[in-house]
Amino acid sequence: MKINVFAEKMKMKILTGNSGLNRDITELYACDLLSFVMSHGSRECGWITIHTHINTVAVALMGEIPCIIVPEGIKEDEMTINKAIEEGIAILSSDENSYNICWKAHEIL
């Protein structure tokens, strides 16, 4: 599913404009241990993390992860957003917690 369609169906806010929205995701991966995400994330996953620092973009790039999802209304760092736009990675924001994001996404992905 295209990231923009996923964001719309999940009622998520897109923080990075049109950057990376034409890429596909087929699953979600929820993890906050960056080294674990680098070794276990996939190139078609939406990565749910509470981290908002610029290192998340580096991890997404290394793992070819197209989409970062920030749960619970956590505010994303502006420098991180700008870097994600530059690198073509979508960042989505949700007021839902990780469990609810995964539960709802299970029904649409």
N, C-alpha and C. Protein backbone atom coordinates (compact mmCIF):
# COMPACT_ATOMS: atom_id res chain seq x y z
N MET A 1 0.84 -1.17 0.00
CA MET A 1 0.00 0.00 0.00
C MET A 1 0.89 1.24 0.00
N LYS A 2 0.54 2.21 -0.80
CA LYS A 2 1.28 3.46 -0.84
C LYS A 2 1.19 4.16 0.53
N ILE A 3 2.27 4.80 0.92
CA ILE A 3 2.33 5.44 2.24
C ILE A 3 1.25 6.50 2.38
N ASN A 4 0.99 7.27 1.33
CA ASN A 4 -0.03 8.31 1.44
C ASN A 4 -1.42 7.72 1.67
N VAL A 5 -1.72 6.59 1.05
CA VAL A 5 -3.00 5.91 1.25
C VAL A 5 -3.07 5.36 2.67
N PHE A 6 -1.98 4.75 3.12
CA PHE A 6 -1.91 4.23 4.48
C PHE A 6 -2.16 5.35 5.49
N ALA A 7 -1.48 6.48 5.32
CA ALA A 7 -1.64 7.61 6.25
C ALA A 7 -3.08 8.10 6.28
N GLU A 8 -3.70 8.16 5.13
CA GLU A 8 -5.09 8.62 5.06
C GLU A 8 -6.02 7.64 5.78
N LYS A 9 -5.87 6.36 5.50
CA LYS A 9 -6.73 5.35 6.13
C LYS A 9 -6.52 5.29 7.64
N MET A 10 -5.30 5.55 8.08
CA MET A 10 -4.98 5.48 9.51
C MET A 10 -5.19 6.83 10.21
N LYS A 11 -5.60 7.84 9.44
CA LYS A 11 -5.82 9.18 9.97
C LYS A 11 -4.56 9.74 10.64
N MET A 12 -3.42 9.55 9.96
CA MET A 12 -2.13 10.03 10.46
C MET A 12 -1.77 11.34 9.78
N LYS A 13 -1.03 12.15 10.49
CA LYS A 13 -0.54 13.40 9.95
C LYS A 13 0.79 13.13 9.23
N ILE A 14 0.93 13.66 8.02
CA ILE A 14 2.17 13.52 7.26
C ILE A 14 3.04 14.73 7.58
N LEU A 15 4.22 14.49 8.15
CA LEU A 15 5.09 15.58 8.59
C LEU A 15 6.09 16.01 7.53
N THR A 16 6.25 15.21 6.50
CA THR A 16 7.32 15.45 5.51
C THR A 16 6.77 15.84 4.14
N GLY A 17 5.61 16.43 4.09
CA GLY A 17 5.04 16.84 2.81
C GLY A 17 4.85 15.64 1.89
N ASN A 18 5.25 15.79 0.64
CA ASN A 18 5.10 14.71 -0.34
C ASN A 18 6.29 13.76 -0.39
N SER A 19 7.28 14.01 0.43
CA SER A 19 8.52 13.23 0.37
C SER A 19 8.29 11.76 0.73
N GLY A 20 8.60 10.87 -0.21
CA GLY A 20 8.54 9.44 0.04
C GLY A 20 7.16 8.82 0.03
N LEU A 21 6.12 9.59 -0.22
CA LEU A 21 4.76 9.07 -0.11
C LEU A 21 4.39 8.07 -1.19
N ASN A 22 5.12 8.05 -2.29
CA ASN A 22 4.79 7.12 -3.38
C ASN A 22 5.40 5.74 -3.18
N ARG A 23 6.11 5.54 -2.08
CA ARG A 23 6.69 4.22 -1.79
C ARG A 23 5.64 3.34 -1.12
N ASP A 24 5.89 2.02 -1.14
CA ASP A 24 4.95 1.06 -0.57
C ASP A 24 5.40 0.57 0.80
N ILE A 25 4.41 0.28 1.65
CA ILE A 25 4.67 -0.47 2.87
C ILE A 25 3.70 -1.65 2.89
N THR A 26 4.18 -2.77 3.41
CA THR A 26 3.35 -3.97 3.49
C THR A 26 3.23 -4.50 4.91
N GLU A 27 4.01 -3.88 5.82
CA GLU A 27 4.00 -4.33 7.22
C GLU A 27 4.47 -3.20 8.11
N LEU A 28 4.30 -3.38 9.43
CA LEU A 28 4.81 -2.44 10.41
C LEU A 28 5.84 -3.14 11.28
N TYR A 29 6.76 -2.34 11.79
CA TYR A 29 7.78 -2.84 12.70
C TYR A 29 7.89 -1.85 13.84
N ALA A 30 7.62 -2.28 15.06
CA ALA A 30 7.65 -1.41 16.23
C ALA A 30 8.86 -1.77 17.09
N CYS A 31 9.80 -0.82 17.20
CA CYS A 31 11.01 -1.07 17.98
C CYS A 31 11.73 0.26 18.22
N ASP A 32 12.33 0.39 19.40
CA ASP A 32 13.07 1.61 19.74
C ASP A 32 14.57 1.38 19.89
N LEU A 33 15.02 0.17 19.72
CA LEU A 33 16.44 -0.12 19.80
C LEU A 33 17.00 -0.01 18.38
N LEU A 34 17.73 1.07 18.11
CA LEU A 34 18.14 1.40 16.74
C LEU A 34 18.95 0.30 16.08
N SER A 35 19.87 -0.31 16.81
CA SER A 35 20.68 -1.37 16.21
C SER A 35 19.82 -2.57 15.83
N PHE A 36 18.78 -2.83 16.59
CA PHE A 36 17.87 -3.93 16.28
C PHE A 36 17.06 -3.63 15.03
N VAL A 37 16.64 -2.38 14.90
CA VAL A 37 15.89 -1.97 13.71
C VAL A 37 16.76 -2.10 12.46
N MET A 38 18.03 -1.73 12.58
CA MET A 38 18.94 -1.85 11.43
C MET A 38 19.05 -3.28 10.94
N SER A 39 18.98 -4.23 11.85
CA SER A 39 19.16 -5.62 11.45
C SER A 39 17.85 -6.36 11.20
N HIS A 40 16.72 -5.79 11.61
CA HIS A 40 15.45 -6.51 11.48
C HIS A 40 14.37 -5.79 10.67
N GLY A 41 14.54 -4.51 10.42
CA GLY A 41 13.56 -3.77 9.62
C GLY A 41 13.62 -4.22 8.18
N SER A 42 12.58 -3.91 7.42
CA SER A 42 12.55 -4.31 6.02
C SER A 42 12.31 -3.11 5.11
N ARG A 43 12.57 -3.29 3.84
CA ARG A 43 12.42 -2.18 2.90
C ARG A 43 10.98 -1.86 2.57
N GLU A 44 10.03 -2.60 3.09
CA GLU A 44 8.63 -2.26 2.90
C GLU A 44 7.88 -2.19 4.23
N CYS A 45 8.59 -1.70 5.26
CA CYS A 45 7.92 -1.59 6.56
C CYS A 45 7.75 -0.13 6.96
N GLY A 46 6.71 0.09 7.71
CA GLY A 46 6.55 1.35 8.42
C GLY A 46 7.12 1.12 9.80
N TRP A 47 8.08 1.93 10.21
CA TRP A 47 8.78 1.74 11.48
C TRP A 47 8.18 2.66 12.53
N ILE A 48 7.64 2.07 13.58
CA ILE A 48 7.06 2.82 14.68
C ILE A 48 8.12 2.98 15.77
N THR A 49 8.40 4.24 16.13
CA THR A 49 9.39 4.51 17.16
C THR A 49 9.06 5.80 17.90
N ILE A 50 9.41 5.85 19.18
CA ILE A 50 9.24 7.07 19.96
C ILE A 50 10.42 8.01 19.78
N HIS A 51 11.48 7.54 19.15
CA HIS A 51 12.66 8.39 18.93
C HIS A 51 12.34 9.47 17.91
N THR A 52 12.86 10.64 18.15
CA THR A 52 12.60 11.77 17.23
C THR A 52 13.90 12.44 16.77
N HIS A 53 15.03 11.88 17.13
CA HIS A 53 16.29 12.51 16.74
C HIS A 53 16.71 12.10 15.34
N ILE A 54 17.66 12.83 14.80
CA ILE A 54 18.07 12.66 13.41
C ILE A 54 18.63 11.26 13.11
N ASN A 55 19.08 10.55 14.12
CA ASN A 55 19.61 9.20 13.91
C ASN A 55 18.55 8.25 13.35
N THR A 56 17.28 8.55 13.57
CA THR A 56 16.23 7.68 13.02
C THR A 56 16.25 7.70 11.50
N VAL A 57 16.56 8.85 10.93
CA VAL A 57 16.64 8.95 9.47
C VAL A 57 17.82 8.12 8.96
N ALA A 58 18.94 8.19 9.66
CA ALA A 58 20.12 7.40 9.27
C ALA A 58 19.80 5.90 9.33
N VAL A 59 19.12 5.48 10.37
CA VAL A 59 18.75 4.07 10.50
C VAL A 59 17.80 3.66 9.38
N ALA A 60 16.83 4.51 9.09
CA ALA A 60 15.89 4.21 8.00
C ALA A 60 16.62 4.09 6.67
N LEU A 61 17.57 4.97 6.44
CA LEU A 61 18.35 4.91 5.19
C LEU A 61 19.15 3.63 5.10
N MET A 62 19.83 3.28 6.17
CA MET A 62 20.66 2.07 6.16
C MET A 62 19.82 0.81 5.97
N GLY A 63 18.60 0.80 6.54
CA GLY A 63 17.73 -0.36 6.41
C GLY A 63 16.77 -0.27 5.25
N GLU A 64 16.88 0.79 4.44
CA GLU A 64 15.98 1.03 3.32
C GLU A 64 14.52 1.05 3.76
N ILE A 65 14.28 1.58 4.94
CA ILE A 65 12.94 1.68 5.52
C ILE A 65 12.30 2.97 4.99
N PRO A 66 11.15 2.87 4.33
CA PRO A 66 10.60 4.05 3.66
C PRO A 66 9.79 5.00 4.54
N CYS A 67 9.43 4.55 5.75
CA CYS A 67 8.47 5.34 6.53
C CYS A 67 8.73 5.20 8.02
N ILE A 68 8.79 6.34 8.70
CA ILE A 68 8.92 6.37 10.16
C ILE A 68 7.59 6.86 10.72
N ILE A 69 7.08 6.17 11.72
CA ILE A 69 5.81 6.54 12.35
C ILE A 69 6.08 6.88 13.81
N VAL A 70 5.70 8.09 14.20
CA VAL A 70 5.89 8.55 15.58
C VAL A 70 4.53 8.48 16.29
N PRO A 71 4.41 7.64 17.32
CA PRO A 71 3.12 7.44 17.99
C PRO A 71 2.86 8.47 19.10
N GLU A 72 1.67 8.39 19.67
CA GLU A 72 1.27 9.08 20.89
C GLU A 72 1.42 10.60 20.83
N GLY A 73 1.34 11.17 19.64
CA GLY A 73 1.41 12.62 19.51
C GLY A 73 2.75 13.22 19.88
N ILE A 74 3.78 12.38 19.92
CA ILE A 74 5.12 12.87 20.26
C ILE A 74 5.57 13.84 19.17
N LYS A 75 6.11 14.96 19.57
CA LYS A 75 6.54 15.98 18.61
C LYS A 75 7.87 15.59 17.98
N GLU A 76 7.92 15.63 16.66
CA GLU A 76 9.12 15.28 15.91
C GLU A 76 10.04 16.50 15.85
N ASP A 77 11.33 16.25 15.90
CA ASP A 77 12.35 17.28 15.81
C ASP A 77 12.38 17.87 14.40
N GLU A 78 12.44 19.19 14.27
CA GLU A 78 12.43 19.86 12.97
C GLU A 78 13.63 19.46 12.10
N MET A 79 14.80 19.31 12.70
CA MET A 79 15.98 18.91 11.94
C MET A 79 15.79 17.50 11.37
N THR A 80 15.15 16.64 12.12
CA THR A 80 14.87 15.28 11.65
C THR A 80 13.90 15.31 10.47
N ILE A 81 12.87 16.12 10.59
CA ILE A 81 11.90 16.24 9.50
C ILE A 81 12.59 16.73 8.22
N ASN A 82 13.41 17.75 8.36
CA ASN A 82 14.10 18.30 7.18
C ASN A 82 15.04 17.28 6.54
N LYS A 83 15.74 16.51 7.36
CA LYS A 83 16.64 15.47 6.83
C LYS A 83 15.85 14.37 6.12
N ALA A 84 14.71 14.00 6.71
CA ALA A 84 13.87 12.97 6.09
C ALA A 84 13.35 13.44 4.73
N ILE A 85 12.96 14.69 4.64
CA ILE A 85 12.51 15.25 3.36
C ILE A 85 13.64 15.17 2.34
N GLU A 86 14.82 15.57 2.77
CA GLU A 86 16.00 15.53 1.90
C GLU A 86 16.29 14.12 1.39
N GLU A 87 16.08 13.12 2.24
CA GLU A 87 16.41 11.74 1.90
C GLU A 87 15.23 10.94 1.32
N GLY A 88 14.06 11.56 1.22
CA GLY A 88 12.92 10.87 0.64
C GLY A 88 12.26 9.85 1.54
N ILE A 89 12.32 10.10 2.84
CA ILE A 89 11.70 9.20 3.82
C ILE A 89 10.49 9.91 4.41
N ALA A 90 9.36 9.24 4.40
CA ALA A 90 8.14 9.81 4.96
C ALA A 90 8.15 9.67 6.49
N ILE A 91 7.70 10.70 7.17
CA ILE A 91 7.48 10.62 8.61
C ILE A 91 6.01 10.92 8.86
N LEU A 92 5.36 9.99 9.54
CA LEU A 92 3.95 10.12 9.90
C LEU A 92 3.82 10.26 11.41
N SER A 93 2.78 10.95 11.83
CA SER A 93 2.52 11.15 13.25
C SER A 93 1.12 10.66 13.57
N SER A 94 1.00 10.01 14.72
CA SER A 94 -0.30 9.51 15.17
C SER A 94 -0.48 9.80 16.65
N ASP A 95 -1.71 10.06 17.05
CA ASP A 95 -2.02 10.21 18.47
C ASP A 95 -2.20 8.86 19.15
N GLU A 96 -2.33 7.81 18.33
CA GLU A 96 -2.50 6.45 18.86
C GLU A 96 -1.20 5.90 19.42
N ASN A 97 -1.29 4.92 20.33
CA ASN A 97 -0.08 4.25 20.81
C ASN A 97 0.32 3.16 19.81
N SER A 98 1.49 2.62 19.99
CA SER A 98 2.03 1.63 19.04
C SER A 98 1.12 0.42 18.89
N TYR A 99 0.57 -0.05 19.98
CA TYR A 99 -0.33 -1.21 19.92
C TYR A 99 -1.53 -0.93 19.02
N ASN A 100 -2.17 0.20 19.24
CA ASN A 100 -3.36 0.53 18.44
C ASN A 100 -3.01 0.76 16.97
N ILE A 101 -1.86 1.36 16.72
CA ILE A 101 -1.43 1.54 15.33
C ILE A 101 -1.30 0.18 14.66
N CYS A 102 -0.60 -0.74 15.32
CA CYS A 102 -0.41 -2.07 14.75
C CYS A 102 -1.74 -2.79 14.58
N TRP A 103 -2.61 -2.69 15.56
CA TRP A 103 -3.90 -3.38 15.50
C TRP A 103 -4.72 -2.87 14.31
N LYS A 104 -4.82 -1.56 14.17
CA LYS A 104 -5.60 -0.99 13.07
C LYS A 104 -4.96 -1.28 11.72
N ALA A 105 -3.63 -1.20 11.66
CA ALA A 105 -2.92 -1.45 10.40
C ALA A 105 -3.07 -2.90 9.96
N HIS A 106 -3.15 -3.80 10.92
CA HIS A 106 -3.32 -5.22 10.60
C HIS A 106 -4.55 -5.44 9.73
N GLU A 107 -5.57 -4.64 9.93
CA GLU A 107 -6.81 -4.81 9.20
C GLU A 107 -6.74 -4.22 7.78
N ILE A 108 -5.80 -3.30 7.53
CA ILE A 108 -5.79 -2.65 6.21
C ILE A 108 -4.58 -3.01 5.35
N LEU A 109 -3.51 -3.50 5.97
CA LEU A 109 -2.33 -3.86 5.16
C LEU A 109 -2.43 -5.26 4.61
